[in-house]
Amino acid sequence: MVSLGSKGLRVEPGHDAWVLGDEPCITVDFGASPTCAAKSS
C-alpha cells in the first residue's frame, strides 16, 4: 500500500511500514486504550 501526500489511510494490525523520500511521516493512532474513557471511582 502506498499513501501519497496528506491522505488518510487505515493500516491493519500486523503491518510493516517504512517511509519513502525525504518528507517526515506523522502518524496518529486512534486505537482503543484500556484506560481511555475509563470510569473514575
PDB file of N, CA and C in Angstrom:
ATOM      1  N   MET A   1       0.839  -1.157   0.000  1.00  0.00           N
ATOM      2  CA  MET A   1       0.000   0.000   0.000  1.00  0.00           C
ATOM      3  C   MET A   1       0.893   1.232   0.000  1.00  0.00           C
ATOM      4  N   VAL A   2       0.560   2.209  -0.810  1.00  0.00           N
ATOM      5  CA  VAL A   2       1.311   3.459  -0.866  1.00  0.00           C
ATOM      6  C   VAL A   2       0.331   4.602  -0.656  1.00  0.00           C
ATOM      7  N   SER A   3       0.654   5.506   0.252  1.00  0.00           N
ATOM      8  CA  SER A   3      -0.147   6.699   0.503  1.00  0.00           C
ATOM      9  C   SER A   3       0.669   7.908   0.055  1.00  0.00           C
ATOM     10  N   LEU A   4       0.093   8.746  -0.768  1.00  0.00           N
ATOM     11  CA  LEU A   4       0.804   9.918  -1.283  1.00  0.00           C
ATOM     12  C   LEU A   4       0.261  11.188  -0.645  1.00  0.00           C
ATOM     13  N   GLY A   5       1.153  12.039  -0.162  1.00  0.00           N
ATOM     14  CA  GLY A   5       0.738  13.320   0.389  1.00  0.00           C
ATOM     15  C   GLY A   5       0.002  13.192   1.706  1.00  0.00           C
ATOM     16  N   SER A   6      -0.903  14.110   1.951  1.00  0.00           N
ATOM     17  CA  SER A   6      -1.606  14.160   3.235  1.00  0.00           C
ATOM     18  C   SER A   6      -2.920  13.388   3.177  1.00  0.00           C
ATOM     19  N   LYS A   7      -2.889  12.189   2.715  1.00  0.00           N
ATOM     20  CA  LYS A   7      -4.064  11.327   2.638  1.00  0.00           C
ATOM     21  C   LYS A   7      -4.188  10.501   3.903  1.00  0.00           C
ATOM     22  N   GLY A   8      -5.402  10.206   4.303  1.00  0.00           N
ATOM     23  CA  GLY A   8      -5.617   9.310   5.431  1.00  0.00           C
ATOM     24  C   GLY A   8      -5.692   7.881   4.932  1.00  0.00           C
ATOM     25  N   LEU A   9      -5.348   6.949   5.797  1.00  0.00           N
ATOM     26  CA  LEU A   9      -5.459   5.546   5.421  1.00  0.00           C
ATOM     27  C   LEU A   9      -5.607   4.696   6.665  1.00  0.00           C
ATOM     28  N   ARG A  10      -6.118   3.521   6.482  1.00  0.00           N
ATOM     29  CA  ARG A  10      -6.275   2.567   7.570  1.00  0.00           C
ATOM     30  C   ARG A  10      -5.227   1.478   7.408  1.00  0.00           C
ATOM     31  N   VAL A  11      -4.484   1.239   8.477  1.00  0.00           N
ATOM     32  CA  VAL A  11      -3.445   0.219   8.453  1.00  0.00           C
ATOM     33  C   VAL A  11      -3.854  -0.872   9.433  1.00  0.00           C
ATOM     34  N   GLU A  12      -3.994  -2.063   8.934  1.00  0.00           N
ATOM     35  CA  GLU A  12      -4.442  -3.189   9.752  1.00  0.00           C
ATOM     36  C   GLU A  12      -3.327  -3.659  10.686  1.00  0.00           C
ATOM     37  N   PRO A  13      -3.686  -4.313  11.791  1.00  0.00           N
ATOM     38  CA  PRO A  13      -2.686  -4.853  12.714  1.00  0.00           C
ATOM     39  C   PRO A  13      -1.750  -5.841  12.013  1.00  0.00           C
ATOM     40  N   GLY A  14      -0.519  -5.886  12.501  1.00  0.00           N
ATOM     41  CA  GLY A  14       0.453  -6.817  11.945  1.00  0.00           C
ATOM     42  C   GLY A  14       1.171  -6.304  10.708  1.00  0.00           C
ATOM     43  N   HIS A  15       1.057  -5.026  10.423  1.00  0.00           N
ATOM     44  CA  HIS A  15       1.673  -4.459   9.224  1.00  0.00           C
ATOM     45  C   HIS A  15       3.156  -4.169   9.437  1.00  0.00           C
ATOM     46  N   ASP A  16       3.823  -3.918   8.343  1.00  0.00           N
ATOM     47  CA  ASP A  16       5.209  -3.464   8.348  1.00  0.00           C
ATOM     48  C   ASP A  16       5.222  -2.214   7.476  1.00  0.00           C
ATOM     49  N   ALA A  17       5.901  -1.150   7.924  1.00  0.00           N
ATOM     50  CA  ALA A  17       5.847   0.101   7.161  1.00  0.00           C
ATOM     51  C   ALA A  17       7.200   0.797   7.142  1.00  0.00           C
ATOM     52  N   TRP A  18       7.393   1.651   6.140  1.00  0.00           N
ATOM     53  CA  TRP A  18       8.573   2.492   6.052  1.00  0.00           C
ATOM     54  C   TRP A  18       8.202   3.705   5.213  1.00  0.00           C
ATOM     55  N   VAL A  19       9.029   4.732   5.288  1.00  0.00           N
ATOM     56  CA  VAL A  19       8.774   5.986   4.582  1.00  0.00           C
ATOM     57  C   VAL A  19       9.715   6.080   3.390  1.00  0.00           C
ATOM     58  N   LEU A  20       9.167   6.446   2.249  1.00  0.00           N
ATOM     59  CA  LEU A  20       9.969   6.672   1.044  1.00  0.00           C
ATOM     60  C   LEU A  20      10.171   8.177   0.873  1.00  0.00           C
ATOM     61  N   GLY A  21      11.361   8.604   0.527  1.00  0.00           N
ATOM     62  CA  GLY A  21      11.617  10.019   0.280  1.00  0.00           C
ATOM     63  C   GLY A  21      12.116  10.753   1.504  1.00  0.00           C
ATOM     64  N   ASP A  22      12.139  12.089   1.415  1.00  0.00           N
ATOM     65  CA  ASP A  22      12.717  12.930   2.455  1.00  0.00           C
ATOM     66  C   ASP A  22      11.681  13.574   3.370  1.00  0.00           C
ATOM     67  N   GLU A  23      10.405  13.457   3.059  1.00  0.00           N
ATOM     68  CA  GLU A  23       9.359  14.079   3.874  1.00  0.00           C
ATOM     69  C   GLU A  23       9.144  13.291   5.157  1.00  0.00           C
ATOM     70  N   PRO A  24       8.888  13.979   6.286  1.00  0.00           N
ATOM     71  CA  PRO A  24       8.603  13.260   7.526  1.00  0.00           C
ATOM     72  C   PRO A  24       7.235  12.590   7.474  1.00  0.00           C
ATOM     73  N   CYS A  25       7.092  11.549   8.227  1.00  0.00           N
ATOM     74  CA  CYS A  25       5.813  10.837   8.324  1.00  0.00           C
ATOM     75  C   CYS A  25       5.277  11.042   9.737  1.00  0.00           C
ATOM     76  N   ILE A  26       4.065  11.571   9.842  1.00  0.00           N
ATOM     77  CA  ILE A  26       3.424  11.780  11.143  1.00  0.00           C
ATOM     78  C   ILE A  26       2.212  10.867  11.199  1.00  0.00           C
ATOM     79  N   THR A  27       2.152  10.039  12.225  1.00  0.00           N
ATOM     80  CA  THR A  27       1.022   9.122  12.373  1.00  0.00           C
ATOM     81  C   THR A  27       0.268   9.421  13.665  1.00  0.00           C
ATOM     82  N   VAL A  28      -1.029   9.163  13.635  1.00  0.00           N
ATOM     83  CA  VAL A  28      -1.876   9.304  14.812  1.00  0.00           C
ATOM     84  C   VAL A  28      -2.623   7.993  14.983  1.00  0.00           C
ATOM     85  N   ASP A  29      -2.494   7.385  16.148  1.00  0.00           N
ATOM     86  CA  ASP A  29      -3.142   6.109  16.434  1.00  0.00           C
ATOM     87  C   ASP A  29      -4.459   6.378  17.144  1.00  0.00           C
ATOM     88  N   PHE A  30      -5.583   6.029  16.502  1.00  0.00           N
ATOM     89  CA  PHE A  30      -6.895   6.200  17.088  1.00  0.00           C
ATOM     90  C   PHE A  30      -7.410   4.897  17.697  1.00  0.00           C
ATOM     91  N   GLY A  31      -6.517   3.953  17.965  1.00  0.00           N
ATOM     92  CA  GLY A  31      -6.907   2.678  18.550  1.00  0.00           C
ATOM     93  C   GLY A  31      -7.391   2.845  19.969  1.00  0.00           C
ATOM     94  N   ALA A  32      -8.183   1.913  20.416  1.00  0.00           N
ATOM     95  CA  ALA A  32      -8.727   1.955  21.767  1.00  0.00           C
ATOM     96  C   ALA A  32      -7.636   1.667  22.798  1.00  0.00           C
ATOM     97  N   SER A  33      -7.707   2.351  23.906  1.00  0.00           N
ATOM     98  CA  SER A  33      -6.796   2.136  25.022  1.00  0.00           C
ATOM     99  C   SER A  33      -7.613   1.637  26.195  1.00  0.00           C
ATOM    100  N   PRO A  34      -7.107   0.677  26.960  1.00  0.00           N
ATOM    101  CA  PRO A  34      -7.890   0.146  28.077  1.00  0.00           C
ATOM    102  C   PRO A  34      -8.224   1.195  29.136  1.00  0.00           C
ATOM    103  N   THR A  35      -7.429   2.266  29.214  1.00  0.00           N
ATOM    104  CA  THR A  35      -7.707   3.298  30.226  1.00  0.00           C
ATOM    105  C   THR A  35      -8.420   4.509  29.651  1.00  0.00           C
ATOM    106  N   CYS A  36      -8.575   4.564  28.354  1.00  0.00           N
ATOM    107  CA  CYS A  36      -9.250   5.684  27.732  1.00  0.00           C
ATOM    108  C   CYS A  36     -10.742   5.608  28.037  1.00  0.00           C
ATOM    109  N   ALA A  37     -11.292   6.671  28.538  1.00  0.00           N
ATOM    110  CA  ALA A  37     -12.712   6.778  28.870  1.00  0.00           C
ATOM    111  C   ALA A  37     -13.132   5.798  29.977  1.00  0.00           C
ATOM    112  N   ALA A  38     -12.171   5.382  30.808  1.00  0.00           N
ATOM    113  CA  ALA A  38     -12.496   4.502  31.929  1.00  0.00           C
ATOM    114  C   ALA A  38     -13.233   5.305  32.992  1.00  0.00           C
ATOM    115  N   LYS A  39     -14.198   4.691  33.628  1.00  0.00           N
ATOM    116  CA  LYS A  39     -14.937   5.357  34.696  1.00  0.00           C
ATOM    117  C   LYS A  39     -14.032   5.569  35.898  1.00  0.00           C
ATOM    118  N   SER A  40     -14.081   6.768  36.436  1.00  0.00           N
ATOM    119  CA  SER A  40     -13.292   7.029  37.650  1.00  0.00           C
ATOM    120  C   SER A  40     -14.111   6.633  38.864  1.00  0.00           C
ATOM    121  N   SER A  41     -13.425   6.172  39.907  1.00  0.00           N
ATOM    122  CA  SER A  41     -14.142   5.710  41.104  1.00  0.00           C
ATOM    123  C   SER A  41     -14.342   6.823  42.094  1.00  0.00           C
TER     124      SER A  41
END
